[in-house]
Amino acid sequence: MRRDVFQAIADPTRREIINLIAHDSLNLNSVAENFDISRPAISKHIKILTECGLIVIRQQGRERYCEANLKSLGQVSDWIDQYRVFWTKKLDALENFLSKDATAVNKSAGRSRRTLSAQAGSKPIKKSKRKTK
């Protein structure tokens, strides 16, 4: 059964396995040593990653080494790009809206200050005189 690359990256343990072997090929025992789960559980994760094409198992003597084949992660990148374009447009529109709104608020505040200044200048301020007993 050919699995989907999205199934592979859905699990945090599998993502960590990919991260481990992306930098250096490791044998199965070395991979398993990095986790607090059983060796058979790691083997199941590696099997899924192999079925998805993210890992290639290479036999070297008695050891089996896991090597990363990250080309199929391009599918994930392509899928994400469509949403990156969508959200970039939305965030740009929000930025434009907020910029226009801030400009309008600043202009309105300037008018209010001028109006208050004009009103203060046209009406004399009366001092109240308190009568003392």
C-alpha atoms as a PDB file:
ATOM      1  CA  MET A   1       0.000   0.000   0.000  1.00  0.00           C
ATOM      2  CA  ARG A   2       1.450   3.368  -1.036  1.00  0.00           C
ATOM      3  CA  ARG A   3       0.902   5.916   1.689  1.00  0.00           C
ATOM      4  CA  ASP A   4       0.537   9.649   1.419  1.00  0.00           C
ATOM      5  CA  VAL A   5       3.388  11.979   2.438  1.00  0.00           C
ATOM      6  CA  PHE A   6       0.889  13.924   4.561  1.00  0.00           C
ATOM      7  CA  GLN A   7       0.251  10.781   6.617  1.00  0.00           C
ATOM      8  CA  ALA A   8       3.961  10.551   7.264  1.00  0.00           C
ATOM      9  CA  ILE A   9       4.386  14.054   8.587  1.00  0.00           C
ATOM     10  CA  ALA A  10       1.162  13.935  10.607  1.00  0.00           C
ATOM     11  CA  ASP A  11       2.869  12.073  13.445  1.00  0.00           C
ATOM     12  CA  PRO A  12       5.407  13.931  15.627  1.00  0.00           C
ATOM     13  CA  THR A  13       7.570  10.822  16.060  1.00  0.00           C
ATOM     14  CA  ARG A  14       7.852  10.395  12.309  1.00  0.00           C
ATOM     15  CA  ARG A  15       8.692  14.081  11.885  1.00  0.00           C
ATOM     16  CA  GLU A  16      11.470  13.668  14.439  1.00  0.00           C
ATOM     17  CA  ILE A  17      12.774  10.558  12.656  1.00  0.00           C
ATOM     18  CA  ILE A  18      12.885  12.557   9.414  1.00  0.00           C
ATOM     19  CA  ASN A  19      14.722  15.341  11.231  1.00  0.00           C
ATOM     20  CA  LEU A  20      17.273  12.886  12.651  1.00  0.00           C
ATOM     21  CA  ILE A  21      18.153  11.224   9.382  1.00  0.00           C
ATOM     22  CA  ALA A  22      17.947  14.373   7.256  1.00  0.00           C
ATOM     23  CA  HIS A  23      21.406  15.311   8.508  1.00  0.00           C
ATOM     24  CA  ASP A  24      23.037  11.890   8.635  1.00  0.00           C
ATOM     25  CA  SER A  25      22.046   8.349   7.705  1.00  0.00           C
ATOM     26  CA  LEU A  26      21.562   6.186  10.795  1.00  0.00           C
ATOM     27  CA  ASN A  27      21.054   2.503  11.347  1.00  0.00           C
ATOM     28  CA  LEU A  28      17.743   1.357  12.767  1.00  0.00           C
ATOM     29  CA  ASN A  29      19.111   0.892  16.299  1.00  0.00           C
ATOM     30  CA  SER A  30      20.603   4.395  16.321  1.00  0.00           C
ATOM     31  CA  VAL A  31      17.249   5.831  15.321  1.00  0.00           C
ATOM     32  CA  ALA A  32      15.441   3.837  18.022  1.00  0.00           C
ATOM     33  CA  GLU A  33      17.886   5.009  20.719  1.00  0.00           C
ATOM     34  CA  ASN A  34      16.583   8.560  20.316  1.00  0.00           C
ATOM     35  CA  PHE A  35      13.064   7.671  21.439  1.00  0.00           C
ATOM     36  CA  ASP A  36      11.346   6.385  24.576  1.00  0.00           C
ATOM     37  CA  ILE A  37       9.168   3.965  22.620  1.00  0.00           C
ATOM     38  CA  SER A  38       9.784   0.348  21.692  1.00  0.00           C
ATOM     39  CA  ARG A  39      11.989  -0.773  18.823  1.00  0.00           C
ATOM     40  CA  PRO A  40       8.988  -2.411  17.054  1.00  0.00           C
ATOM     41  CA  ALA A  41       7.081   0.891  17.264  1.00  0.00           C
ATOM     42  CA  ILE A  42      10.020   2.703  15.645  1.00  0.00           C
ATOM     43  CA  SER A  43      10.118   0.005  12.967  1.00  0.00           C
ATOM     44  CA  LYS A  44       6.440   0.654  12.185  1.00  0.00           C
ATOM     45  CA  HIS A  45       7.103   4.376  11.869  1.00  0.00           C
ATOM     46  CA  ILE A  46      10.068   3.705   9.591  1.00  0.00           C
ATOM     47  CA  LYS A  47       7.940   1.363   7.481  1.00  0.00           C
ATOM     48  CA  ILE A  48       5.350   4.115   6.980  1.00  0.00           C
ATOM     49  CA  LEU A  49       8.081   6.613   6.098  1.00  0.00           C
ATOM     50  CA  THR A  50       9.517   4.122   3.607  1.00  0.00           C
ATOM     51  CA  GLU A  51       6.100   3.543   2.028  1.00  0.00           C
ATOM     52  CA  CYS A  52       5.718   7.305   1.648  1.00  0.00           C
ATOM     53  CA  GLY A  53       9.097   7.544  -0.012  1.00  0.00           C
ATOM     54  CA  LEU A  54      10.615   9.783   2.654  1.00  0.00           C
ATOM     55  CA  ILE A  55      13.128   7.165   3.781  1.00  0.00           C
ATOM     56  CA  VAL A  56      15.220   4.730   1.810  1.00  0.00           C
ATOM     57  CA  ILE A  57      16.634   1.696   3.616  1.00  0.00           C
ATOM     58  CA  ARG A  58      20.128   0.777   2.505  1.00  0.00           C
ATOM     59  CA  GLN A  59      21.687  -2.549   3.466  1.00  0.00           C
ATOM     60  CA  GLN A  60      25.358  -2.302   4.396  1.00  0.00           C
ATOM     61  CA  GLY A  61      26.712  -5.598   5.656  1.00  0.00           C
ATOM     62  CA  ARG A  62      24.493  -6.740   8.497  1.00  0.00           C
ATOM     63  CA  GLU A  63      23.218  -3.244   9.213  1.00  0.00           C
ATOM     64  CA  ARG A  64      20.257  -1.471   7.654  1.00  0.00           C
ATOM     65  CA  TYR A  65      20.675   2.279   7.315  1.00  0.00           C
ATOM     66  CA  CYS A  66      17.933   4.851   6.943  1.00  0.00           C
ATOM     67  CA  GLU A  67      18.588   7.651   4.500  1.00  0.00           C
ATOM     68  CA  ALA A  68      16.325  10.625   3.945  1.00  0.00           C
ATOM     69  CA  ASN A  69      14.727  11.154   0.553  1.00  0.00           C
ATOM     70  CA  LEU A  70      13.087  14.523   1.069  1.00  0.00           C
ATOM     71  CA  LYS A  71      12.059  15.149  -2.544  1.00  0.00           C
ATOM     72  CA  SER A  72       8.497  14.058  -1.830  1.00  0.00           C
ATOM     73  CA  LEU A  73       8.206  16.840   0.770  1.00  0.00           C
ATOM     74  CA  GLY A  74       7.872  19.063  -2.296  1.00  0.00           C
ATOM     75  CA  GLN A  75       4.219  17.959  -2.363  1.00  0.00           C
ATOM     76  CA  VAL A  76       3.772  19.479   1.081  1.00  0.00           C
ATOM     77  CA  SER A  77       5.551  22.647   0.030  1.00  0.00           C
ATOM     78  CA  ASP A  78       3.341  22.978  -3.062  1.00  0.00           C
ATOM     79  CA  TRP A  79       0.221  22.487  -0.969  1.00  0.00           C
ATOM     80  CA  ILE A  80       1.368  25.083   1.571  1.00  0.00           C
ATOM     81  CA  ASP A  81       2.244  27.605  -1.160  1.00  0.00           C
ATOM     82  CA  GLN A  82      -1.378  27.957  -2.220  1.00  0.00           C
ATOM     83  CA  TYR A  83      -2.281  28.989   1.327  1.00  0.00           C
ATOM     84  CA  ARG A  84       0.784  31.211   1.627  1.00  0.00           C
ATOM     85  CA  VAL A  85      -0.441  33.159  -1.417  1.00  0.00           C
ATOM     86  CA  PHE A  86      -3.980  33.323   0.015  1.00  0.00           C
ATOM     87  CA  TRP A  87      -2.866  34.570   3.446  1.00  0.00           C
ATOM     88  CA  THR A  88      -0.333  36.992   2.016  1.00  0.00           C
ATOM     89  CA  LYS A  89      -3.121  38.653   0.022  1.00  0.00           C
ATOM     90  CA  LYS A  90      -5.383  38.753   3.079  1.00  0.00           C
ATOM     91  CA  LEU A  91      -2.680  40.212   5.327  1.00  0.00           C
ATOM     92  CA  ASP A  92      -1.732  42.806   2.693  1.00  0.00           C
ATOM     93  CA  ALA A  93      -5.385  43.845   2.439  1.00  0.00           C
ATOM     94  CA  LEU A  94      -5.581  44.102   6.243  1.00  0.00           C
ATOM     95  CA  GLU A  95      -2.431  46.224   6.312  1.00  0.00           C
ATOM     96  CA  ASN A  96      -3.888  48.570   3.672  1.00  0.00           C
ATOM     97  CA  PHE A  97      -7.163  48.830   5.580  1.00  0.00           C
ATOM     98  CA  LEU A  98      -5.436  49.581   8.884  1.00  0.00           C
ATOM     99  CA  SER A  99      -3.173  52.117   7.222  1.00  0.00           C
ATOM    100  CA  LYS A 100      -6.151  53.954   5.684  1.00  0.00           C
ATOM    101  CA  ASP A 101      -8.056  53.745   8.966  1.00  0.00           C
ATOM    102  CA  ALA A 102      -5.109  55.139  10.935  1.00  0.00           C
ATOM    103  CA  THR A 103      -4.787  57.994   8.443  1.00  0.00           C
ATOM    104  CA  ALA A 104      -8.490  58.773   8.750  1.00  0.00           C
ATOM    105  CA  VAL A 105      -8.285  58.715  12.555  1.00  0.00           C
ATOM    106  CA  ASN A 106      -5.259  61.014  12.527  1.00  0.00           C
ATOM    107  CA  LYS A 107      -6.984  63.475  10.199  1.00  0.00           C
ATOM    108  CA  SER A 108     -10.108  63.389  12.348  1.00  0.00           C
ATOM    109  CA  ALA A 109      -8.084  63.941  15.508  1.00  0.00           C
ATOM    110  CA  GLY A 110      -6.332  66.913  13.875  1.00  0.00           C
ATOM    111  CA  ARG A 111      -9.679  68.448  12.941  1.00  0.00           C
ATOM    112  CA  SER A 112     -10.965  67.897  16.479  1.00  0.00           C
ATOM    113  CA  ARG A 113      -7.952  69.632  17.973  1.00  0.00           C
ATOM    114  CA  ARG A 114      -8.341  72.586  15.602  1.00  0.00           C
ATOM    115  CA  THR A 115     -12.054  72.801  16.406  1.00  0.00           C
ATOM    116  CA  LEU A 116     -11.370  72.752  20.135  1.00  0.00           C
ATOM    117  CA  SER A 117      -8.683  75.405  19.753  1.00  0.00           C
ATOM    118  CA  ALA A 118     -11.019  77.599  17.722  1.00  0.00           C
ATOM    119  CA  GLN A 119     -13.805  77.174  20.233  1.00  0.00           C
ATOM    120  CA  ALA A 120     -11.520  77.918  23.149  1.00  0.00           C
ATOM    121  CA  GLY A 121     -10.289  81.074  21.418  1.00  0.00           C
ATOM    122  CA  SER A 122     -13.767  82.398  20.647  1.00  0.00           C
ATOM    123  CA  LYS A 123     -15.354  82.018  24.063  1.00  0.00           C
ATOM    124  CA  PRO A 124     -13.866  83.652  27.082  1.00  0.00           C
ATOM    125  CA  ILE A 125     -13.391  81.399  30.039  1.00  0.00           C
ATOM    126  CA  LYS A 126     -15.307  82.670  33.046  1.00  0.00           C
ATOM    127  CA  LYS A 127     -13.786  82.420  36.425  1.00  0.00           C
ATOM    128  CA  SER A 128     -16.233  81.552  39.095  1.00  0.00           C
ATOM    129  CA  LYS A 129     -16.155  83.647  42.150  1.00  0.00           C
ATOM    130  CA  ARG A 130     -16.999  81.860  45.321  1.00  0.00           C
ATOM    131  CA  LYS A 131     -18.461  83.785  48.095  1.00  0.00           C
ATOM    132  CA  THR A 132     -16.771  83.196  51.368  1.00  0.00           C
ATOM    133  CA  LYS A 133     -18.725  83.345  54.576  1.00  0.00           C
END
